Amino acid sequence: MSLALPWTTSTRRAEDESVLPLDVPAVRLDSVSKVFGHAPHAVHALDNVSLEVQPGEFVCLLGASGCGKSTLLNILAGLDQPTAGTASVNGRVTLMFQESALFPWLTVFGNVDLALRLRGLAKADRKVEVERLLDLVHLHGFEKKRPHQLSGGMRQRVALARALAQDADVLLMDEPFGALDAMTRDLLHEELERLVMQRRLTVVFVTHNVREAVRLGDRVVLLSSRPGRVTAEFPVDIARPRRIETPEVGVLSTEITARLRAEVRRHGSDESVAH
């Protein structure tokens, strides 16, 4: 595991880097538990979590705050290790956080170019690739802007372009749109869906917003309150493209919200649930 950037990790676990096997899961968690600290003050974040994500699948992890969603992503990214069980990723993985984490002293071009430099691309090739990636996220013409000159949504577009510059097979996303207004979030949903389909990416997307999970995911995995356990899985058999206001999205969101609220009440949590 080599740390490529503060916000990403990159590893290739397949023997042949040019072709990843399609007959094995892109992501696999096998009886993963995570405990922070030691008794009597130990905090059990995850408990016996098993999950498989197939290549090209978009899976949303849903649960109240504190259920271990971010801990799970950190384990998959190699930023943390499970206390028990095993976690594996088939391919190169990139992690996106809620904050864009752009370098403020670099331009938009420079932030994306840095990821390519760390991959060892030649300068001429990097220029072409940065321009292509910025076109993909509709930021052509903003190459010379610095992060403070951009809106929150535009900064997340730069972060997404930078993640794609890592040439990832698996994209881990930790509530990347949680701080954005509803309109901007909806636009970025469309962009993400388009890019995922173009690149055939595998995505594990953490959110506490039920409608967002149903809007984006092929499958929604519900985690219990701490310690996080997989309590239910919901396949999303709704044709794409979807919208947040699509009636079928609303129906499934209502069903999942009811189950999530029952979990929250069962564990005595007062955390709010976003529907």
Protein backbone atom coordinates (compact mmCIF):
# COMPACT_ATOMS: atom_id res chain seq x y z
CA MET A 1 0.00 0.00 0.00
CA SER A 2 1.50 3.33 -1.03
CA LEU A 3 0.01 6.62 0.06
CA ALA A 4 -0.31 8.65 -3.11
CA LEU A 5 -1.81 11.81 -1.67
CA PRO A 6 -3.29 12.89 1.69
CA TRP A 7 -6.79 12.18 0.39
CA THR A 8 -6.13 9.02 -1.61
CA THR A 9 -4.50 5.65 -1.45
CA SER A 10 -3.51 3.60 -4.42
CA THR A 11 -2.80 -0.11 -4.62
CA ARG A 12 -3.06 -2.80 -7.23
CA ARG A 13 -3.73 -6.19 -5.76
CA ALA A 14 -4.25 -8.04 -9.03
CA GLU A 15 -1.14 -9.71 -10.45
CA ASP A 16 -1.76 -8.26 -13.91
CA GLU A 17 -2.16 -4.50 -13.63
CA SER A 18 -3.67 -4.20 -17.10
CA VAL A 19 -6.60 -6.53 -16.54
CA LEU A 20 -8.56 -6.93 -13.34
CA PRO A 21 -10.50 -10.19 -12.92
CA LEU A 22 -14.26 -9.77 -13.20
CA ASP A 23 -15.10 -13.03 -11.44
CA VAL A 24 -13.99 -11.81 -7.99
CA PRO A 25 -15.51 -9.03 -5.88
CA ALA A 26 -14.06 -5.56 -6.30
CA VAL A 27 -14.46 -5.06 -2.54
CA ARG A 28 -14.72 -7.71 0.13
CA LEU A 29 -15.17 -7.45 3.89
CA ASP A 30 -15.06 -10.73 5.79
CA SER A 31 -16.20 -10.60 9.43
CA VAL A 32 -14.58 -7.21 9.99
CA SER A 33 -14.64 -5.75 13.48
CA LYS A 34 -12.97 -2.59 14.72
CA VAL A 35 -12.39 -1.59 18.34
CA PHE A 36 -10.77 1.69 19.36
CA GLY A 37 -9.02 1.83 22.71
CA HIS A 38 -8.91 -0.77 25.45
CA ALA A 39 -11.30 -2.01 28.11
CA PRO A 40 -13.01 -0.57 30.05
CA HIS A 41 -13.01 2.44 27.70
CA ALA A 42 -13.01 0.55 24.41
CA VAL A 43 -15.28 1.83 21.63
CA HIS A 44 -16.69 -0.85 19.31
CA ALA A 45 -17.10 0.83 15.93
CA LEU A 46 -17.75 -2.20 13.70
CA ASP A 47 -18.92 -5.69 14.61
CA ASN A 48 -18.56 -8.69 12.31
CA VAL A 49 -19.28 -6.84 9.06
CA SER A 50 -19.28 -8.99 5.92
CA LEU A 51 -19.95 -7.43 2.53
CA GLU A 52 -19.08 -7.97 -1.12
CA VAL A 53 -19.25 -5.34 -3.87
CA GLN A 54 -19.05 -6.54 -7.44
CA PRO A 55 -17.00 -4.82 -10.19
CA GLY A 56 -18.92 -1.86 -11.57
CA GLU A 57 -21.46 -1.87 -8.73
CA PHE A 58 -22.50 1.33 -6.92
CA VAL A 59 -23.21 0.52 -3.26
CA CYS A 60 -24.38 3.10 -0.74
CA LEU A 61 -23.71 2.61 2.97
CA LEU A 62 -26.43 4.17 5.08
CA GLY A 63 -26.74 4.66 8.81
CA ALA A 64 -27.00 7.18 11.61
CA SER A 65 -23.92 9.17 12.63
CA GLY A 66 -21.45 7.08 14.59
CA CYS A 67 -22.37 3.74 13.01
CA GLY A 68 -18.88 3.14 11.65
CA LYS A 69 -19.41 4.10 7.99
CA SER A 70 -16.29 6.25 7.77
CA THR A 71 -14.27 3.72 9.75
CA LEU A 72 -15.23 1.08 7.21
CA LEU A 73 -14.04 3.27 4.32
CA ASN A 74 -10.77 4.00 6.09
CA ILE A 75 -10.16 0.27 6.45
CA LEU A 76 -10.88 -0.33 2.77
CA ALA A 77 -8.53 2.52 1.82
CA GLY A 78 -5.76 1.06 3.96
CA LEU A 79 -5.72 4.05 6.31
CA ASP A 80 -6.70 1.81 9.23
CA GLN A 81 -6.61 -1.88 10.03
CA PRO A 82 -9.45 -4.05 11.34
CA THR A 83 -9.20 -5.45 14.84
CA ALA A 84 -10.56 -8.73 13.49
CA GLY A 85 -11.49 -10.06 10.07
CA THR A 86 -10.11 -9.16 6.65
CA ALA A 87 -10.74 -6.45 4.06
CA SER A 88 -9.56 -6.53 0.45
CA VAL A 89 -9.88 -4.39 -2.66
CA ASN A 90 -9.30 -5.70 -6.17
CA GLY A 91 -7.65 -2.78 -7.93
CA ARG A 92 -6.49 0.76 -7.31
CA VAL A 93 -8.58 2.66 -4.78
CA THR A 94 -9.19 6.37 -4.26
CA LEU A 95 -10.89 7.96 -1.24
CA MET A 96 -12.89 11.20 -1.42
CA PHE A 97 -13.89 13.07 1.73
CA GLN A 98 -16.72 15.48 2.47
CA GLU A 99 -14.25 18.36 2.27
CA SER A 100 -12.51 18.82 -1.08
CA ALA A 101 -9.06 19.12 0.60
CA LEU A 102 -7.62 21.09 -2.31
CA PHE A 103 -4.24 22.71 -1.89
CA PRO A 104 -5.12 26.43 -1.61
CA TRP A 105 -1.84 27.63 -3.11
CA LEU A 106 -2.35 25.60 -6.29
CA THR A 107 -4.65 26.42 -9.17
CA VAL A 108 -7.39 24.08 -10.35
CA PHE A 109 -4.96 22.83 -12.99
CA GLY A 110 -2.20 22.39 -10.42
CA ASN A 111 -4.35 20.38 -8.00
CA VAL A 112 -5.26 17.85 -10.68
CA ASP A 113 -1.80 17.89 -12.23
CA LEU A 114 -0.22 16.97 -8.89
CA ALA A 115 -2.05 13.65 -8.84
CA LEU A 116 -0.75 12.89 -12.33
CA ARG A 117 2.80 13.89 -11.40
CA LEU A 118 2.73 11.37 -8.56
CA ARG A 119 1.71 8.73 -11.10
CA GLY A 120 4.87 9.55 -13.04
CA LEU A 121 3.27 10.95 -16.20
CA ALA A 122 5.37 13.17 -18.45
CA LYS A 123 4.61 16.89 -18.46
CA ALA A 124 3.12 16.95 -21.98
CA ASP A 125 0.90 13.95 -21.21
CA ARG A 126 -0.21 15.53 -17.94
CA LYS A 127 -1.36 18.70 -19.67
CA VAL A 128 -3.56 16.76 -22.08
CA GLU A 129 -4.97 14.58 -19.29
CA VAL A 130 -5.73 17.50 -16.94
CA GLU A 131 -7.62 19.25 -19.72
CA ARG A 132 -9.56 16.07 -20.46
CA LEU A 133 -10.48 15.53 -16.82
CA LEU A 134 -11.56 19.14 -16.31
CA ASP A 135 -13.73 18.86 -19.41
CA LEU A 136 -15.28 15.72 -17.93
CA VAL A 137 -16.38 17.60 -14.79
CA HIS A 138 -17.36 20.71 -16.79
CA LEU A 139 -14.63 22.99 -15.46
CA HIS A 140 -13.06 24.02 -18.75
CA GLY A 141 -11.97 27.66 -18.45
CA PHE A 142 -11.36 27.48 -14.69
CA GLU A 143 -7.83 26.04 -14.93
CA LYS A 144 -6.15 29.15 -13.49
CA LYS A 145 -8.59 29.70 -10.62
CA ARG A 146 -7.60 28.94 -7.04
CA PRO A 147 -9.88 27.08 -4.62
CA HIS A 148 -11.02 30.21 -2.76
CA GLN A 149 -12.36 31.58 -6.05
CA LEU A 150 -14.67 28.58 -6.55
CA SER A 151 -18.05 27.64 -5.12
CA GLY A 152 -18.35 24.57 -2.90
CA GLY A 153 -19.79 22.55 -5.75
CA MET A 154 -16.98 23.54 -8.09
CA ARG A 155 -14.37 22.59 -5.50
CA GLN A 156 -15.94 19.14 -5.27
CA ARG A 157 -15.79 18.87 -9.06
CA VAL A 158 -12.06 19.55 -8.86
CA ALA A 159 -11.75 16.92 -6.12
CA LEU A 160 -13.61 14.44 -8.33
CA ALA A 161 -11.32 15.20 -11.29
CA ARG A 162 -8.33 14.70 -9.00
CA ALA A 163 -9.73 11.36 -7.82
CA LEU A 164 -10.23 10.25 -11.43
CA ALA A 165 -6.64 11.30 -12.14
CA GLN A 166 -5.55 8.51 -9.80
CA ASP A 167 -6.79 6.04 -12.43
CA ALA A 168 -8.82 4.30 -9.75
CA ASP A 169 -10.85 1.14 -10.18
CA VAL A 170 -12.67 1.61 -6.88
CA LEU A 171 -13.92 4.99 -5.68
CA LEU A 172 -14.63 5.35 -1.96
CA MET A 173 -16.73 8.42 -1.16
CA ASP A 174 -17.34 9.67 2.39
CA GLU A 175 -20.38 11.98 2.25
CA PRO A 176 -18.77 14.06 -0.52
CA PHE A 177 -21.89 16.17 -1.14
CA GLY A 178 -23.15 16.46 2.43
CA ALA A 179 -22.21 20.13 2.85
CA LEU A 180 -23.72 21.31 -0.45
CA ASP A 181 -27.11 22.87 -1.12
CA ALA A 182 -29.82 20.67 -2.64
CA MET A 183 -29.56 22.05 -6.18
CA THR A 184 -25.77 21.73 -6.36
CA ARG A 185 -25.95 18.24 -4.86
CA ASP A 186 -28.49 17.18 -7.48
CA LEU A 187 -26.26 18.44 -10.30
CA LEU A 188 -23.27 16.58 -8.89
CA HIS A 189 -25.36 13.42 -8.61
CA GLU A 190 -25.87 13.61 -12.36
CA GLU A 191 -22.17 14.21 -12.99
CA LEU A 192 -21.10 11.35 -10.74
CA GLU A 193 -23.57 8.93 -12.31
CA ARG A 194 -22.37 9.86 -15.80
CA LEU A 195 -18.68 9.51 -14.91
CA VAL A 196 -19.17 6.20 -13.11
CA MET A 197 -20.91 4.74 -16.13
CA GLN A 198 -18.24 6.06 -18.51
CA ARG A 199 -15.34 4.76 -16.43
CA ARG A 200 -17.09 1.57 -15.22
CA LEU A 201 -16.02 2.40 -11.68
CA THR A 202 -16.92 0.46 -8.58
CA VAL A 203 -18.22 2.88 -5.93
CA VAL A 204 -18.75 2.57 -2.18
CA PHE A 205 -20.59 5.73 -1.16
CA VAL A 206 -21.23 6.69 2.47
CA THR A 207 -24.19 8.91 3.28
CA HIS A 208 -26.80 9.53 5.97
CA ASN A 209 -29.26 10.84 3.36
CA VAL A 210 -31.72 8.11 2.37
CA ARG A 211 -32.92 9.71 -0.87
CA GLU A 212 -29.35 10.31 -1.98
CA ALA A 213 -28.56 6.63 -1.40
CA VAL A 214 -31.57 5.46 -3.43
CA ARG A 215 -30.95 8.08 -6.12
CA LEU A 216 -27.38 6.89 -6.70
CA GLY A 217 -27.02 3.28 -5.63
CA ASP A 218 -27.51 -0.09 -7.25
CA ARG A 219 -27.81 -1.37 -3.69
CA VAL A 220 -28.29 0.28 -0.30
CA VAL A 221 -26.67 -1.37 2.72
CA LEU A 222 -28.06 -0.37 6.10
CA LEU A 223 -25.77 -0.31 9.12
CA SER A 224 -26.96 -0.38 12.72
CA SER A 225 -25.96 2.23 15.26
CA ARG A 226 -22.66 1.61 17.04
CA PRO A 227 -21.32 -0.94 16.78
CA GLY A 228 -21.99 -0.98 13.07
CA ARG A 229 -23.48 -4.20 11.75
CA VAL A 230 -25.14 -4.94 8.41
CA THR A 231 -28.81 -5.14 9.30
CA ALA A 232 -30.46 -5.00 5.87
CA GLU A 233 -29.73 -4.67 2.16
CA PHE A 234 -32.05 -3.08 -0.39
CA PRO A 235 -31.53 -3.65 -4.12
CA VAL A 236 -32.48 -0.54 -6.09
CA ASP A 237 -34.35 -1.89 -9.12
CA ILE A 238 -35.18 1.55 -10.53
CA ALA A 239 -34.23 2.38 -14.10
CA ARG A 240 -31.55 4.98 -14.75
CA PRO A 241 -31.36 7.87 -15.20
CA ARG A 242 -33.10 8.65 -11.91
CA ARG A 243 -33.93 11.89 -10.20
CA ILE A 244 -34.18 12.64 -6.52
CA GLU A 245 -37.90 13.34 -7.08
CA THR A 246 -38.59 10.16 -9.08
CA PRO A 247 -41.69 8.54 -7.50
CA GLU A 248 -40.03 5.13 -7.17
CA VAL A 249 -37.09 6.75 -5.38
CA GLY A 250 -39.54 8.25 -2.89
CA VAL A 251 -41.31 4.93 -2.27
CA LEU A 252 -38.12 2.98 -1.56
CA SER A 253 -36.72 5.87 0.50
CA THR A 254 -39.79 5.74 2.74
CA GLU A 255 -39.33 2.01 3.30
CA ILE A 256 -35.63 2.38 4.12
CA THR A 257 -36.25 5.41 6.36
CA ALA A 258 -38.74 3.42 8.43
CA ARG A 259 -36.20 0.64 8.90
CA LEU A 260 -33.43 3.11 9.74
CA ARG A 261 -35.56 4.92 12.30
CA ALA A 262 -36.40 1.61 13.92
CA GLU A 263 -32.67 0.88 14.22
CA VAL A 264 -32.00 4.30 15.71
CA ARG A 265 -34.80 3.89 18.27
CA ARG A 266 -33.69 0.36 19.12
CA HIS A 267 -30.22 1.61 20.00
CA GLY A 268 -31.51 4.63 21.90
CA SER A 269 -29.81 7.13 19.61
CA ASP A 270 -31.16 10.64 19.17
CA GLU A 271 -29.37 11.15 15.85
CA SER A 272 -31.57 12.59 13.12
CA VAL A 273 -32.25 10.71 9.93
CA ALA A 274 -32.21 12.59 6.64
CA HIS A 275 -34.95 11.44 4.29
